[in-house]
Amino acid sequence: MKVYPEWKKRYDYSEKDKPDFMPDVTETKDFANLISPTTVYITSVFKDDLPYIGFLFSCSWDSEHGLGVMTHKDRIVEIGGADTAFLTWIAEEDMKKKE
């Protein structure tokens, strides 16, 4: 919900195409029709004895690259293009941060 409005500006779909590719969303559940999980990556990067886990989704607005999410425990570390789900340097950079 936080990054989607920014992405809508970046992708800049025409008013005609917005309803099909990047419609307005008002609730988290609205994404159920826009994204679908395709792959789960369990990385080799661990913090507090738990791995960073990446999720890859197909998405309506970027059929070529998809949507990637890197997580640790119950926290979203980063959201971006498909590679965000499996780039271990994202996890390694996060490990350096103090919580």
C-alpha atoms as a PDB file:
ATOM      1  CA  MET A   1       0.000   0.000   0.000  1.00  0.00           C
ATOM      2  CA  LYS A   2       2.906   2.352   0.731  1.00  0.00           C
ATOM      3  CA  VAL A   3       4.819   2.020  -2.556  1.00  0.00           C
ATOM      4  CA  TYR A   4       1.960   1.310  -4.965  1.00  0.00           C
ATOM      5  CA  PRO A   5       0.950   4.967  -5.527  1.00  0.00           C
ATOM      6  CA  GLU A   6       4.573   5.811  -6.381  1.00  0.00           C
ATOM      7  CA  TRP A   7       4.739   2.861  -8.785  1.00  0.00           C
ATOM      8  CA  LYS A   8       1.540   3.979 -10.490  1.00  0.00           C
ATOM      9  CA  LYS A   9       3.280   7.259 -11.324  1.00  0.00           C
ATOM     10  CA  ARG A  10       6.431   5.467 -12.470  1.00  0.00           C
ATOM     11  CA  TYR A  11       4.632   3.022 -14.773  1.00  0.00           C
ATOM     12  CA  ASP A  12       2.420   5.826 -16.067  1.00  0.00           C
ATOM     13  CA  TYR A  13      -0.282   3.721 -17.700  1.00  0.00           C
ATOM     14  CA  SER A  14      -2.841   5.625 -19.759  1.00  0.00           C
ATOM     15  CA  GLU A  15      -6.233   6.252 -18.190  1.00  0.00           C
ATOM     16  CA  LYS A  16      -7.612   3.631 -20.576  1.00  0.00           C
ATOM     17  CA  ASP A  17      -5.129   0.957 -19.412  1.00  0.00           C
ATOM     18  CA  LYS A  18      -4.990   1.749 -15.664  1.00  0.00           C
ATOM     19  CA  PRO A  19      -8.076  -0.316 -14.731  1.00  0.00           C
ATOM     20  CA  ASP A  20      -6.512  -3.418 -16.318  1.00  0.00           C
ATOM     21  CA  PHE A  21      -2.927  -3.049 -15.127  1.00  0.00           C
ATOM     22  CA  MET A  22      -2.777  -0.702 -12.120  1.00  0.00           C
ATOM     23  CA  PRO A  23      -6.259   0.022 -10.803  1.00  0.00           C
ATOM     24  CA  ASP A  24      -6.803   2.072  -7.681  1.00  0.00           C
ATOM     25  CA  VAL A  25      -6.596   0.007  -4.512  1.00  0.00           C
ATOM     26  CA  THR A  26      -8.057   1.025  -1.180  1.00  0.00           C
ATOM     27  CA  GLU A  27      -7.356  -2.081   0.877  1.00  0.00           C
ATOM     28  CA  THR A  28      -4.594  -4.662   1.016  1.00  0.00           C
ATOM     29  CA  LYS A  29      -7.020  -7.351  -0.131  1.00  0.00           C
ATOM     30  CA  ASP A  30      -7.419  -5.502  -3.453  1.00  0.00           C
ATOM     31  CA  PHE A  31      -3.981  -6.811  -4.438  1.00  0.00           C
ATOM     32  CA  ALA A  32      -5.372 -10.359  -4.556  1.00  0.00           C
ATOM     33  CA  ASN A  33      -6.541  -9.723  -8.112  1.00  0.00           C
ATOM     34  CA  LEU A  34      -3.270  -8.050  -9.151  1.00  0.00           C
ATOM     35  CA  ILE A  35      -0.504 -10.332  -7.869  1.00  0.00           C
ATOM     36  CA  SER A  36       0.050 -14.074  -7.654  1.00  0.00           C
ATOM     37  CA  PRO A  37       2.900 -15.845  -5.844  1.00  0.00           C
ATOM     38  CA  THR A  38       5.192 -17.852  -8.099  1.00  0.00           C
ATOM     39  CA  THR A  39       8.387 -18.632  -6.171  1.00  0.00           C
ATOM     40  CA  VAL A  40       9.706 -18.642  -2.600  1.00  0.00           C
ATOM     41  CA  TYR A  41      13.460 -18.212  -2.088  1.00  0.00           C
ATOM     42  CA  ILE A  42      15.065 -19.292   1.171  1.00  0.00           C
ATOM     43  CA  THR A  43      18.400 -17.515   1.096  1.00  0.00           C
ATOM     44  CA  SER A  44      21.689 -18.624   2.589  1.00  0.00           C
ATOM     45  CA  VAL A  45      21.823 -15.380   4.590  1.00  0.00           C
ATOM     46  CA  PHE A  46      20.837 -15.803   8.243  1.00  0.00           C
ATOM     47  CA  LYS A  47      20.235 -13.339  11.057  1.00  0.00           C
ATOM     48  CA  ASP A  48      19.219 -14.414  14.556  1.00  0.00           C
ATOM     49  CA  ASP A  49      19.350 -18.035  13.318  1.00  0.00           C
ATOM     50  CA  LEU A  50      16.604 -17.372  10.745  1.00  0.00           C
ATOM     51  CA  PRO A  51      17.054 -17.046   6.978  1.00  0.00           C
ATOM     52  CA  TYR A  52      15.984 -14.138   4.862  1.00  0.00           C
ATOM     53  CA  ILE A  53      13.124 -15.271   2.652  1.00  0.00           C
ATOM     54  CA  GLY A  54      12.214 -13.803  -0.714  1.00  0.00           C
ATOM     55  CA  PHE A  55       8.874 -13.979  -2.446  1.00  0.00           C
ATOM     56  CA  LEU A  56       8.415 -13.582  -6.187  1.00  0.00           C
ATOM     57  CA  PHE A  57       5.013 -12.622  -7.578  1.00  0.00           C
ATOM     58  CA  SER A  58       3.647 -12.213 -11.050  1.00  0.00           C
ATOM     59  CA  CYS A  59       1.845  -8.887 -11.207  1.00  0.00           C
ATOM     60  CA  SER A  60      -0.573  -7.165 -13.546  1.00  0.00           C
ATOM     61  CA  TRP A  61       1.566  -4.061 -14.041  1.00  0.00           C
ATOM     62  CA  ASP A  62       4.864  -5.717 -14.977  1.00  0.00           C
ATOM     63  CA  SER A  63       4.385  -9.081 -16.671  1.00  0.00           C
ATOM     64  CA  GLU A  64       8.031  -9.207 -17.754  1.00  0.00           C
ATOM     65  CA  HIS A  65       9.757  -8.617 -14.407  1.00  0.00           C
ATOM     66  CA  GLY A  66       7.179  -9.233 -11.709  1.00  0.00           C
ATOM     67  CA  LEU A  67       7.302  -8.143  -8.091  1.00  0.00           C
ATOM     68  CA  GLY A  68       9.893  -9.199  -5.531  1.00  0.00           C
ATOM     69  CA  VAL A  69       9.781  -8.969  -1.747  1.00  0.00           C
ATOM     70  CA  MET A  70      12.637  -9.732   0.649  1.00  0.00           C
ATOM     71  CA  THR A  71      11.623 -10.518   4.239  1.00  0.00           C
ATOM     72  CA  HIS A  72      13.151 -11.451   7.544  1.00  0.00           C
ATOM     73  CA  LYS A  73      11.021 -12.852  10.349  1.00  0.00           C
ATOM     74  CA  ASP A  74       7.787 -10.848  10.143  1.00  0.00           C
ATOM     75  CA  ARG A  75       9.424  -7.796   8.557  1.00  0.00           C
ATOM     76  CA  ILE A  76       9.507  -6.657   4.950  1.00  0.00           C
ATOM     77  CA  VAL A  77      13.091  -5.684   4.195  1.00  0.00           C
ATOM     78  CA  GLU A  78      12.560  -4.435   0.645  1.00  0.00           C
ATOM     79  CA  ILE A  79       9.976  -4.454  -2.144  1.00  0.00           C
ATOM     80  CA  GLY A  80      10.948  -4.012  -5.781  1.00  0.00           C
ATOM     81  CA  GLY A  81      11.417  -5.802  -9.057  1.00  0.00           C
ATOM     82  CA  ALA A  82      11.598  -9.585  -9.266  1.00  0.00           C
ATOM     83  CA  ASP A  83      15.290  -9.703  -8.369  1.00  0.00           C
ATOM     84  CA  THR A  84      14.541  -8.207  -4.949  1.00  0.00           C
ATOM     85  CA  ALA A  85      13.270 -11.654  -3.965  1.00  0.00           C
ATOM     86  CA  PHE A  86      16.625 -13.393  -4.461  1.00  0.00           C
ATOM     87  CA  LEU A  87      19.435 -10.825  -4.304  1.00  0.00           C
ATOM     88  CA  THR A  88      21.388 -11.844  -1.226  1.00  0.00           C
ATOM     89  CA  TRP A  89      23.194  -8.509  -1.035  1.00  0.00           C
ATOM     90  CA  ILE A  90      19.867  -6.957   0.032  1.00  0.00           C
ATOM     91  CA  ALA A  91      19.774  -9.350   2.992  1.00  0.00           C
ATOM     92  CA  GLU A  92      23.464  -8.783   3.746  1.00  0.00           C
ATOM     93  CA  GLU A  93      22.992  -4.997   3.791  1.00  0.00           C
ATOM     94  CA  ASP A  94      20.024  -5.399   6.110  1.00  0.00           C
ATOM     95  CA  MET A  95      22.089  -7.549   8.462  1.00  0.00           C
ATOM     96  CA  LYS A  96      24.436  -4.604   9.028  1.00  0.00           C
ATOM     97  CA  LYS A  97      21.605  -2.410  10.320  1.00  0.00           C
ATOM     98  CA  LYS A  98      20.890  -2.188  14.028  1.00  0.00           C
ATOM     99  CA  GLU A  99      17.351  -3.016  15.002  1.00  0.00           C
END
